[in-house]
Structures are given as structure tokens and as C-alpha cells.
């Protein structure tokens, strides 16, 4: 059971035993107004008055459709960073979300951050490799002095 719900039910029980609100407040360690609010909630809503009400706050900006959009983008054969995803979400849905929010949602989706690396795909062409090695040897040795004044 939730600690606050247990505390409110204790306040109601003590009130039922004819304790004064100031005495209940001293016993449970809260303000008299808190006791009064708990008793009023009990009178008006009974057991629903014991439970916590939904907390106010900013509603979630990235809804399920936007999260699925992020998953689809990350499944593509390219690297995405938080800034790029933020811009893509703004273009697709018209939602202004900060990069930290995107990072937080990525962690909740199970994605981890990794630094991008540029790697050549496949094996190099052998002829091009020989030409590049020859050019590198020439650069290492310096310019030929034959025929120069």
C-alpha cells in the first residue's frame, strides 16, 4: 500500500475515534490543513479520496506515433544523432522537442549512444591499392633528383 494512502487512512481512523484534528496532525507529523483535506476527501469521495490524484505537469510531447517514427528512422541504414532526429520529428509532426528529450526517449526505448565511425565498405580494388602504395612510396622518399638542376 502507498505510504500516503496509509497515512490518510490512519487520519480517518483516528478521526473516527474522536481525536481532534490538531492532535491527529501532531501524531502523524503533518499540518492541520493536511488532516482537514484528507477528512474532506473521505467525506466527499470515500475510498477514491484516499488515493493520490493524477499529478499535473507537461503532457508528453513525443506520442506513440512519434516514437514509432524514431524507431523506423533508426532502423534505416544510416546513422542518426539526437539533433537530426529532433529536426526530422519537427518536419514530420510539427512538434518542437529539445535534443535532451529525444535522448531520454531513446534510452527508454533501449538504444545506446555510440560514436560514428567511417569505414570503407568492402575490399579495395587491387590495382587502385598498388597505385596508392606507389604514390605513398614516392611521397615518403621525396622528389627524384634525376634531371633536376
N, C-alpha and C. Protein backbone atom coordinates (compact mmCIF):
# COMPACT_ATOMS: atom_id res chain seq x y z
N UNK A 1 0.85 -1.18 0.00
CA UNK A 1 0.00 0.00 0.00
C UNK A 1 0.89 1.24 0.00
N UNK A 2 0.47 2.25 -0.70
CA UNK A 2 1.18 3.52 -0.79
C UNK A 2 1.29 4.16 0.59
N UNK A 3 2.43 4.76 0.88
CA UNK A 3 2.66 5.36 2.19
C UNK A 3 1.67 6.49 2.48
N UNK A 4 1.36 7.30 1.47
CA UNK A 4 0.42 8.41 1.67
C UNK A 4 -1.00 7.90 1.91
N UNK A 5 -1.37 6.86 1.19
CA UNK A 5 -2.71 6.28 1.37
C UNK A 5 -2.85 5.71 2.77
N UNK A 6 -1.80 5.07 3.24
CA UNK A 6 -1.80 4.52 4.59
C UNK A 6 -1.91 5.64 5.62
N UNK A 7 -1.22 6.74 5.40
CA UNK A 7 -1.26 7.88 6.32
C UNK A 7 -2.67 8.50 6.35
N UNK A 8 -3.29 8.65 5.17
CA UNK A 8 -4.64 9.21 5.11
C UNK A 8 -5.64 8.31 5.81
N UNK A 9 -5.51 7.00 5.60
CA UNK A 9 -6.44 6.08 6.25
C UNK A 9 -6.25 6.11 7.77
N UNK A 10 -5.03 6.29 8.22
CA UNK A 10 -4.78 6.41 9.66
C UNK A 10 -5.42 7.68 10.22
N UNK A 11 -5.36 8.77 9.45
CA UNK A 11 -6.00 10.02 9.88
C UNK A 11 -7.52 9.82 10.03
N UNK A 12 -8.11 9.12 9.08
CA UNK A 12 -9.56 8.88 9.12
C UNK A 12 -9.92 7.98 10.30
N UNK A 13 -9.11 6.98 10.54
CA UNK A 13 -9.37 6.08 11.67
C UNK A 13 -9.28 6.82 12.99
N UNK A 14 -8.26 7.67 13.14
CA UNK A 14 -8.12 8.44 14.37
C UNK A 14 -9.26 9.45 14.52
N UNK A 15 -9.71 10.03 13.42
CA UNK A 15 -10.84 10.95 13.47
C UNK A 15 -12.11 10.21 13.90
N UNK A 16 -12.25 8.99 13.44
CA UNK A 16 -13.40 8.18 13.82
C UNK A 16 -13.38 7.84 15.30
N UNK A 17 -12.21 7.83 15.91
CA UNK A 17 -12.08 7.59 17.34
C UNK A 17 -12.19 8.89 18.14
N UNK A 18 -12.67 9.95 17.49
CA UNK A 18 -12.97 11.26 18.09
C UNK A 18 -11.72 12.05 18.48
N UNK A 19 -10.62 11.84 17.78
CA UNK A 19 -9.44 12.66 18.01
C UNK A 19 -9.66 14.01 17.33
N UNK A 20 -9.10 15.06 17.91
CA UNK A 20 -9.16 16.38 17.29
C UNK A 20 -8.13 16.45 16.16
N UNK A 21 -8.41 17.36 15.20
CA UNK A 21 -7.51 17.47 14.05
C UNK A 21 -6.10 17.88 14.46
N UNK A 22 -5.95 18.75 15.42
CA UNK A 22 -4.62 19.19 15.86
C UNK A 22 -3.86 18.02 16.49
N UNK A 23 -4.57 17.17 17.24
CA UNK A 23 -3.94 16.01 17.87
C UNK A 23 -3.53 14.99 16.81
N UNK A 24 -4.38 14.78 15.78
CA UNK A 24 -4.05 13.86 14.69
C UNK A 24 -2.82 14.38 13.94
N UNK A 25 -2.80 15.69 13.66
CA UNK A 25 -1.68 16.28 12.94
C UNK A 25 -0.37 16.10 13.71
N UNK A 26 -0.42 16.28 15.02
CA UNK A 26 0.78 16.07 15.84
C UNK A 26 1.21 14.62 15.85
N UNK A 27 0.26 13.70 15.86
CA UNK A 27 0.56 12.28 15.93
C UNK A 27 1.19 11.77 14.63
N UNK A 28 0.60 12.18 13.48
CA UNK A 28 1.12 11.68 12.20
C UNK A 28 2.24 12.55 11.65
N UNK A 29 2.45 13.74 12.23
CA UNK A 29 3.56 14.59 11.82
C UNK A 29 3.30 15.39 10.56
N UNK A 30 2.11 15.96 10.46
CA UNK A 30 1.79 16.80 9.31
C UNK A 30 1.00 18.02 9.78
N UNK A 31 0.63 18.88 8.86
CA UNK A 31 -0.08 20.11 9.20
C UNK A 31 -1.57 19.82 9.39
N UNK A 32 -2.23 20.67 10.15
CA UNK A 32 -3.67 20.51 10.42
C UNK A 32 -4.47 20.59 9.11
N UNK A 33 -4.03 21.45 8.19
CA UNK A 33 -4.73 21.56 6.90
C UNK A 33 -4.67 20.26 6.12
N UNK A 34 -3.57 19.54 6.23
CA UNK A 34 -3.43 18.26 5.54
C UNK A 34 -4.44 17.26 6.09
N UNK A 35 -4.60 17.26 7.40
CA UNK A 35 -5.59 16.38 8.03
C UNK A 35 -6.98 16.77 7.57
N UNK A 36 -7.28 18.05 7.56
CA UNK A 36 -8.58 18.52 7.11
C UNK A 36 -8.87 18.14 5.66
N UNK A 37 -7.87 18.27 4.80
CA UNK A 37 -8.04 17.90 3.40
C UNK A 37 -8.31 16.41 3.25
N UNK A 38 -7.60 15.58 4.03
CA UNK A 38 -7.81 14.13 3.96
C UNK A 38 -9.21 13.77 4.44
N UNK A 39 -9.68 14.41 5.51
CA UNK A 39 -11.02 14.12 6.03
C UNK A 39 -12.10 14.59 5.05
N UNK A 40 -11.91 15.76 4.43
CA UNK A 40 -12.87 16.24 3.45
C UNK A 40 -12.93 15.34 2.23
N UNK A 41 -11.77 14.84 1.79
CA UNK A 41 -11.73 13.92 0.65
C UNK A 41 -12.46 12.63 0.98
N UNK A 42 -12.33 12.17 2.22
CA UNK A 42 -13.02 10.95 2.64
C UNK A 42 -14.53 11.17 2.65
N UNK A 43 -14.96 12.30 3.15
CA UNK A 43 -16.39 12.59 3.22
C UNK A 43 -16.99 12.69 1.81
N UNK A 44 -16.29 13.35 0.91
CA UNK A 44 -16.87 13.58 -0.42
C UNK A 44 -16.69 12.41 -1.38
N UNK A 45 -15.56 11.68 -1.29
CA UNK A 45 -15.29 10.64 -2.30
C UNK A 45 -15.05 9.26 -1.72
N UNK A 46 -15.14 9.08 -0.43
CA UNK A 46 -14.89 7.80 0.24
C UNK A 46 -13.53 7.22 -0.15
N UNK A 47 -13.48 5.98 -0.62
CA UNK A 47 -12.21 5.31 -0.86
C UNK A 47 -11.41 5.96 -2.00
N UNK A 48 -12.08 6.55 -2.95
CA UNK A 48 -11.37 7.27 -4.02
C UNK A 48 -10.63 8.47 -3.46
N UNK A 49 -11.10 9.02 -2.35
CA UNK A 49 -10.45 10.16 -1.72
C UNK A 49 -9.14 9.78 -1.06
N UNK A 50 -8.93 8.51 -0.78
CA UNK A 50 -7.67 8.07 -0.18
C UNK A 50 -6.53 8.06 -1.19
N UNK A 51 -6.84 7.73 -2.43
CA UNK A 51 -5.80 7.56 -3.45
C UNK A 51 -5.27 8.92 -3.90
N UNK A 52 -4.05 8.91 -4.42
CA UNK A 52 -3.45 10.12 -4.98
C UNK A 52 -4.15 10.47 -6.28
N UNK A 53 -4.33 11.74 -6.49
CA UNK A 53 -4.87 12.20 -7.77
C UNK A 53 -3.75 12.22 -8.80
N UNK A 54 -4.11 12.19 -10.07
CA UNK A 54 -3.05 12.28 -11.10
C UNK A 54 -2.29 13.60 -10.96
N UNK A 55 -0.99 13.52 -11.10
CA UNK A 55 -0.14 14.69 -10.94
C UNK A 55 -0.22 15.56 -12.19
N UNK A 56 -0.24 16.86 -11.98
CA UNK A 56 -0.22 17.79 -13.09
C UNK A 56 1.20 17.89 -13.61
N UNK A 57 1.33 18.33 -14.81
CA UNK A 57 2.65 18.51 -15.42
C UNK A 57 2.50 18.61 -16.92
N UNK A 58 3.62 18.77 -17.56
CA UNK A 58 3.58 18.86 -19.02
C UNK A 58 3.17 17.52 -19.60
N UNK A 59 2.31 17.60 -20.59
CA UNK A 59 1.91 16.36 -21.23
C UNK A 59 3.06 15.89 -22.11
N UNK A 60 3.05 14.63 -22.37
CA UNK A 60 4.11 14.03 -23.16
C UNK A 60 4.06 14.54 -24.60
N UNK A 61 5.16 15.10 -25.09
CA UNK A 61 5.19 15.64 -26.44
C UNK A 61 5.40 14.55 -27.48
N UNK A 62 6.24 13.58 -27.15
CA UNK A 62 6.50 12.51 -28.09
C UNK A 62 5.47 11.40 -27.88
N UNK A 63 4.43 11.40 -28.66
CA UNK A 63 3.39 10.39 -28.55
C UNK A 63 3.86 9.10 -29.22
N UNK A 64 3.04 8.07 -29.17
CA UNK A 64 3.41 6.75 -29.67
C UNK A 64 3.79 6.79 -31.15
N UNK A 65 3.08 7.62 -31.91
CA UNK A 65 3.38 7.71 -33.35
C UNK A 65 4.77 8.29 -33.58
N UNK A 66 5.15 9.29 -32.80
CA UNK A 66 6.49 9.89 -32.94
C UNK A 66 7.57 8.91 -32.49
N UNK A 67 7.29 8.13 -31.45
CA UNK A 67 8.27 7.13 -31.00
C UNK A 67 8.46 6.05 -32.06
N UNK A 68 7.37 5.64 -32.70
CA UNK A 68 7.47 4.65 -33.77
C UNK A 68 8.24 5.24 -34.95
N UNK A 69 8.03 6.52 -35.24
CA UNK A 69 8.78 7.22 -36.29
C UNK A 69 10.27 7.17 -35.98
N UNK A 70 10.65 7.40 -34.70
CA UNK A 70 12.05 7.34 -34.31
C UNK A 70 12.61 5.94 -34.52
N UNK A 71 11.84 4.91 -34.13
CA UNK A 71 12.28 3.52 -34.33
C UNK A 71 12.51 3.23 -35.81
N UNK A 72 11.59 3.70 -36.66
CA UNK A 72 11.71 3.47 -38.10
C UNK A 72 12.95 4.17 -38.66
N UNK A 73 13.21 5.40 -38.22
CA UNK A 73 14.38 6.12 -38.69
C UNK A 73 15.66 5.43 -38.25
N UNK A 74 15.68 4.90 -37.03
CA UNK A 74 16.88 4.25 -36.53
C UNK A 74 17.10 2.89 -37.18
N UNK A 75 16.06 2.31 -37.76
CA UNK A 75 16.19 1.03 -38.46
C UNK A 75 16.78 1.21 -39.86
N UNK A 76 16.79 2.45 -40.36
CA UNK A 76 17.36 2.71 -41.68
C UNK A 76 18.86 2.46 -41.66
N UNK A 77 19.42 2.33 -42.86
CA UNK A 77 20.85 2.03 -42.99
C UNK A 77 21.65 3.33 -43.01
N UNK A 78 21.59 4.08 -41.92
CA UNK A 78 22.36 5.29 -41.75
C UNK A 78 22.42 5.61 -40.26
N UNK A 79 23.31 6.51 -39.91
CA UNK A 79 23.45 6.92 -38.51
C UNK A 79 22.62 8.17 -38.26
N UNK A 80 21.92 8.16 -37.13
CA UNK A 80 21.12 9.32 -36.71
C UNK A 80 21.63 9.78 -35.36
N UNK A 81 21.75 11.10 -35.18
CA UNK A 81 22.05 11.61 -33.85
C UNK A 81 20.81 12.34 -33.33
N UNK A 82 20.87 12.78 -32.08
CA UNK A 82 19.69 13.39 -31.45
C UNK A 82 19.25 14.66 -32.18
N UNK A 83 20.20 15.44 -32.65
CA UNK A 83 19.85 16.68 -33.35
C UNK A 83 19.10 16.37 -34.65
N UNK A 84 19.59 15.39 -35.39
CA UNK A 84 18.94 15.03 -36.65
C UNK A 84 17.55 14.46 -36.41
N UNK A 85 17.42 13.64 -35.38
CA UNK A 85 16.09 13.09 -35.05
C UNK A 85 15.13 14.20 -34.63
N UNK A 86 15.64 15.16 -33.87
CA UNK A 86 14.81 16.29 -33.44
C UNK A 86 14.29 17.06 -34.65
N UNK A 87 15.18 17.31 -35.61
CA UNK A 87 14.77 18.02 -36.82
C UNK A 87 13.78 17.21 -37.65
N UNK A 88 14.01 15.89 -37.74
CA UNK A 88 13.11 15.04 -38.51
C UNK A 88 11.72 15.00 -37.88
N UNK A 89 11.66 14.95 -36.55
CA UNK A 89 10.37 14.96 -35.84
C UNK A 89 9.66 16.29 -36.05
N UNK A 90 10.41 17.38 -36.03
CA UNK A 90 9.82 18.70 -36.25
C UNK A 90 9.23 18.80 -37.66
N UNK A 91 9.93 18.25 -38.65
CA UNK A 91 9.43 18.29 -40.03
C UNK A 91 8.21 17.39 -40.22
N UNK A 92 8.26 16.21 -39.62
CA UNK A 92 7.20 15.22 -39.83
C UNK A 92 5.92 15.57 -39.07
N UNK A 93 6.06 15.96 -37.80
CA UNK A 93 4.89 16.15 -36.94
C UNK A 93 4.64 17.61 -36.54
N UNK A 94 5.60 18.48 -36.79
CA UNK A 94 5.45 19.88 -36.38
C UNK A 94 5.57 20.06 -34.88
N UNK A 95 6.29 19.17 -34.21
CA UNK A 95 6.47 19.21 -32.76
C UNK A 95 7.87 19.75 -32.46
N UNK A 96 7.97 20.74 -31.58
CA UNK A 96 9.26 21.25 -31.16
C UNK A 96 9.68 20.52 -29.89
N UNK A 97 10.69 19.68 -30.00
CA UNK A 97 11.19 18.89 -28.88
C UNK A 97 12.68 19.18 -28.76
N UNK A 98 13.18 19.27 -27.53
CA UNK A 98 14.62 19.51 -27.38
C UNK A 98 15.38 18.19 -27.50
N UNK A 99 16.66 18.30 -27.77
CA UNK A 99 17.50 17.13 -28.01
C UNK A 99 17.58 16.23 -26.79
N UNK A 100 17.60 16.81 -25.61
CA UNK A 100 17.70 16.00 -24.39
C UNK A 100 16.47 15.12 -24.23
N UNK A 101 15.32 15.62 -24.60
CA UNK A 101 14.09 14.82 -24.55
C UNK A 101 14.19 13.64 -25.50
N UNK A 102 14.74 13.88 -26.68
CA UNK A 102 14.92 12.79 -27.65
C UNK A 102 15.90 11.77 -27.09
N UNK A 103 17.00 12.22 -26.49
CA UNK A 103 17.97 11.30 -25.89
C UNK A 103 17.33 10.46 -24.79
N UNK A 104 16.54 11.10 -23.94
CA UNK A 104 15.89 10.39 -22.85
C UNK A 104 14.94 9.31 -23.39
N UNK A 105 14.18 9.67 -24.42
CA UNK A 105 13.27 8.69 -25.02
C UNK A 105 14.02 7.57 -25.72
N UNK A 106 15.16 7.88 -26.30
CA UNK A 106 15.97 6.83 -26.92
C UNK A 106 16.46 5.83 -25.88
N UNK A 107 16.90 6.34 -24.73
CA UNK A 107 17.35 5.44 -23.66
C UNK A 107 16.20 4.57 -23.18
N UNK A 108 14.98 5.15 -23.08
CA UNK A 108 13.82 4.37 -22.65
C UNK A 108 13.44 3.31 -23.67
N UNK A 109 13.72 3.58 -24.94
CA UNK A 109 13.45 2.60 -26.00
C UNK A 109 14.53 1.53 -26.07
N UNK A 110 15.61 1.70 -25.31
CA UNK A 110 16.66 0.68 -25.27
C UNK A 110 17.83 0.95 -26.19
N UNK A 111 17.92 2.15 -26.74
CA UNK A 111 19.04 2.49 -27.60
C UNK A 111 20.17 3.07 -26.77
N UNK A 112 21.41 2.82 -27.22
CA UNK A 112 22.59 3.33 -26.53
C UNK A 112 23.37 4.21 -27.49
N UNK A 113 24.08 5.15 -26.94
CA UNK A 113 24.87 6.08 -27.74
C UNK A 113 26.16 5.43 -28.15
N UNK A 114 26.56 5.65 -29.40
CA UNK A 114 27.82 5.12 -29.91
C UNK A 114 28.39 6.13 -30.90
N UNK A 115 29.66 6.35 -30.86
CA UNK A 115 30.30 7.30 -31.77
C UNK A 115 30.31 6.74 -33.19
N UNK A 116 30.01 7.61 -34.16
CA UNK A 116 30.04 7.21 -35.57
C UNK A 116 31.48 6.98 -36.00
N UNK A 117 31.68 5.98 -36.86
CA UNK A 117 32.99 5.74 -37.45
C UNK A 117 32.81 5.57 -38.94
N UNK A 118 33.71 6.14 -39.70
CA UNK A 118 33.67 6.00 -41.14
C UNK A 118 34.58 4.84 -41.53
N UNK A 119 34.01 3.82 -42.13
CA UNK A 119 34.74 2.64 -42.53
C UNK A 119 34.46 2.39 -44.00
N UNK A 120 35.53 2.08 -44.74
CA UNK A 120 35.36 1.76 -46.15
C UNK A 120 34.66 0.41 -46.25
N UNK A 121 33.62 0.37 -47.06
CA UNK A 121 32.86 -0.86 -47.21
C UNK A 121 33.55 -1.76 -48.24
N UNK A 122 33.69 -3.02 -47.92
CA UNK A 122 34.23 -4.00 -48.88
C UNK A 122 35.75 -3.90 -49.02
N UNK A 123 36.29 -4.74 -49.91
CA UNK A 123 37.73 -4.79 -50.16
C UNK A 123 38.09 -3.77 -51.24
N UNK A 124 39.26 -3.13 -51.12
CA UNK A 124 39.66 -2.16 -52.14
C UNK A 124 40.08 -2.88 -53.44
N UNK A 125 40.00 -2.15 -54.52
CA UNK A 125 40.42 -2.67 -55.82
C UNK A 125 41.93 -2.86 -55.77
N UNK A 126 42.48 -4.04 -56.13
CA UNK A 126 43.92 -4.29 -56.02
C UNK A 126 44.76 -3.33 -56.86
N UNK A 127 44.31 -2.98 -58.05
CA UNK A 127 45.08 -2.07 -58.90
C UNK A 127 45.14 -0.67 -58.27
N UNK A 128 43.99 -0.18 -57.76
CA UNK A 128 43.99 1.12 -57.10
C UNK A 128 44.85 1.12 -55.85
N UNK A 129 44.87 -0.02 -55.14
CA UNK A 129 45.69 -0.14 -53.94
C UNK A 129 47.17 -0.05 -54.29
N UNK A 130 47.61 -0.72 -55.38
CA UNK A 130 49.02 -0.65 -55.80
C UNK A 130 49.40 0.77 -56.20
N UNK A 131 48.51 1.45 -56.91
CA UNK A 131 48.79 2.83 -57.33
C UNK A 131 48.92 3.75 -56.10
N UNK A 132 48.04 3.56 -55.12
CA UNK A 132 48.10 4.40 -53.92
C UNK A 132 49.36 4.12 -53.14
N UNK A 133 49.79 2.84 -53.06
CA UNK A 133 51.02 2.49 -52.33
C UNK A 133 52.24 3.07 -53.04
N UNK A 134 52.22 3.04 -54.39
CA UNK A 134 53.34 3.60 -55.16
C UNK A 134 53.42 5.11 -54.93
N UNK A 135 52.27 5.77 -54.93
CA UNK A 135 52.25 7.22 -54.70
C UNK A 135 52.74 7.53 -53.30
N UNK A 136 52.38 6.70 -52.35
CA UNK A 136 52.82 6.91 -50.97
C UNK A 136 54.33 6.71 -50.85
N UNK A 137 54.87 5.69 -51.54
CA UNK A 137 56.33 5.48 -51.52
C UNK A 137 57.05 6.68 -52.09
N UNK A 138 56.53 7.23 -53.18
CA UNK A 138 57.15 8.40 -53.80
C UNK A 138 57.15 9.57 -52.83
N UNK A 139 56.05 9.77 -52.15
CA UNK A 139 55.97 10.87 -51.19
C UNK A 139 56.92 10.67 -50.02
N UNK A 140 57.07 9.42 -49.58
CA UNK A 140 57.96 9.16 -48.45
C UNK A 140 59.42 9.43 -48.80
N UNK A 141 59.83 9.03 -50.04
CA UNK A 141 61.22 9.19 -50.46
C UNK A 141 61.54 10.61 -50.86
N UNK A 142 60.58 11.32 -51.28
CA UNK A 142 60.82 12.68 -51.75
C UNK A 142 60.94 12.69 -53.27
N UNK A 143 61.05 13.84 -53.82
CA UNK A 143 61.11 14.02 -55.25
C UNK A 143 62.42 13.46 -55.81
N UNK A 144 62.32 12.85 -56.97
CA UNK A 144 63.53 12.31 -57.61
C UNK A 144 64.43 13.47 -58.04
N UNK A 145 65.76 13.30 -57.84
CA UNK A 145 66.70 14.37 -58.17
C UNK A 145 67.29 14.21 -59.56
N UNK A 146 66.91 13.15 -60.26
CA UNK A 146 67.46 12.91 -61.59
C UNK A 146 66.80 13.92 -62.54
N UNK A 147 67.62 14.59 -63.34
CA UNK A 147 67.13 15.52 -64.33
C UNK A 147 66.78 16.88 -63.75
N UNK A 148 67.07 17.12 -62.50
CA UNK A 148 66.78 18.44 -61.94
C UNK A 148 68.05 19.25 -61.89
N UNK A 149 67.99 20.53 -61.98
CA UNK A 149 69.18 21.40 -61.99
C UNK A 149 69.48 21.93 -60.65
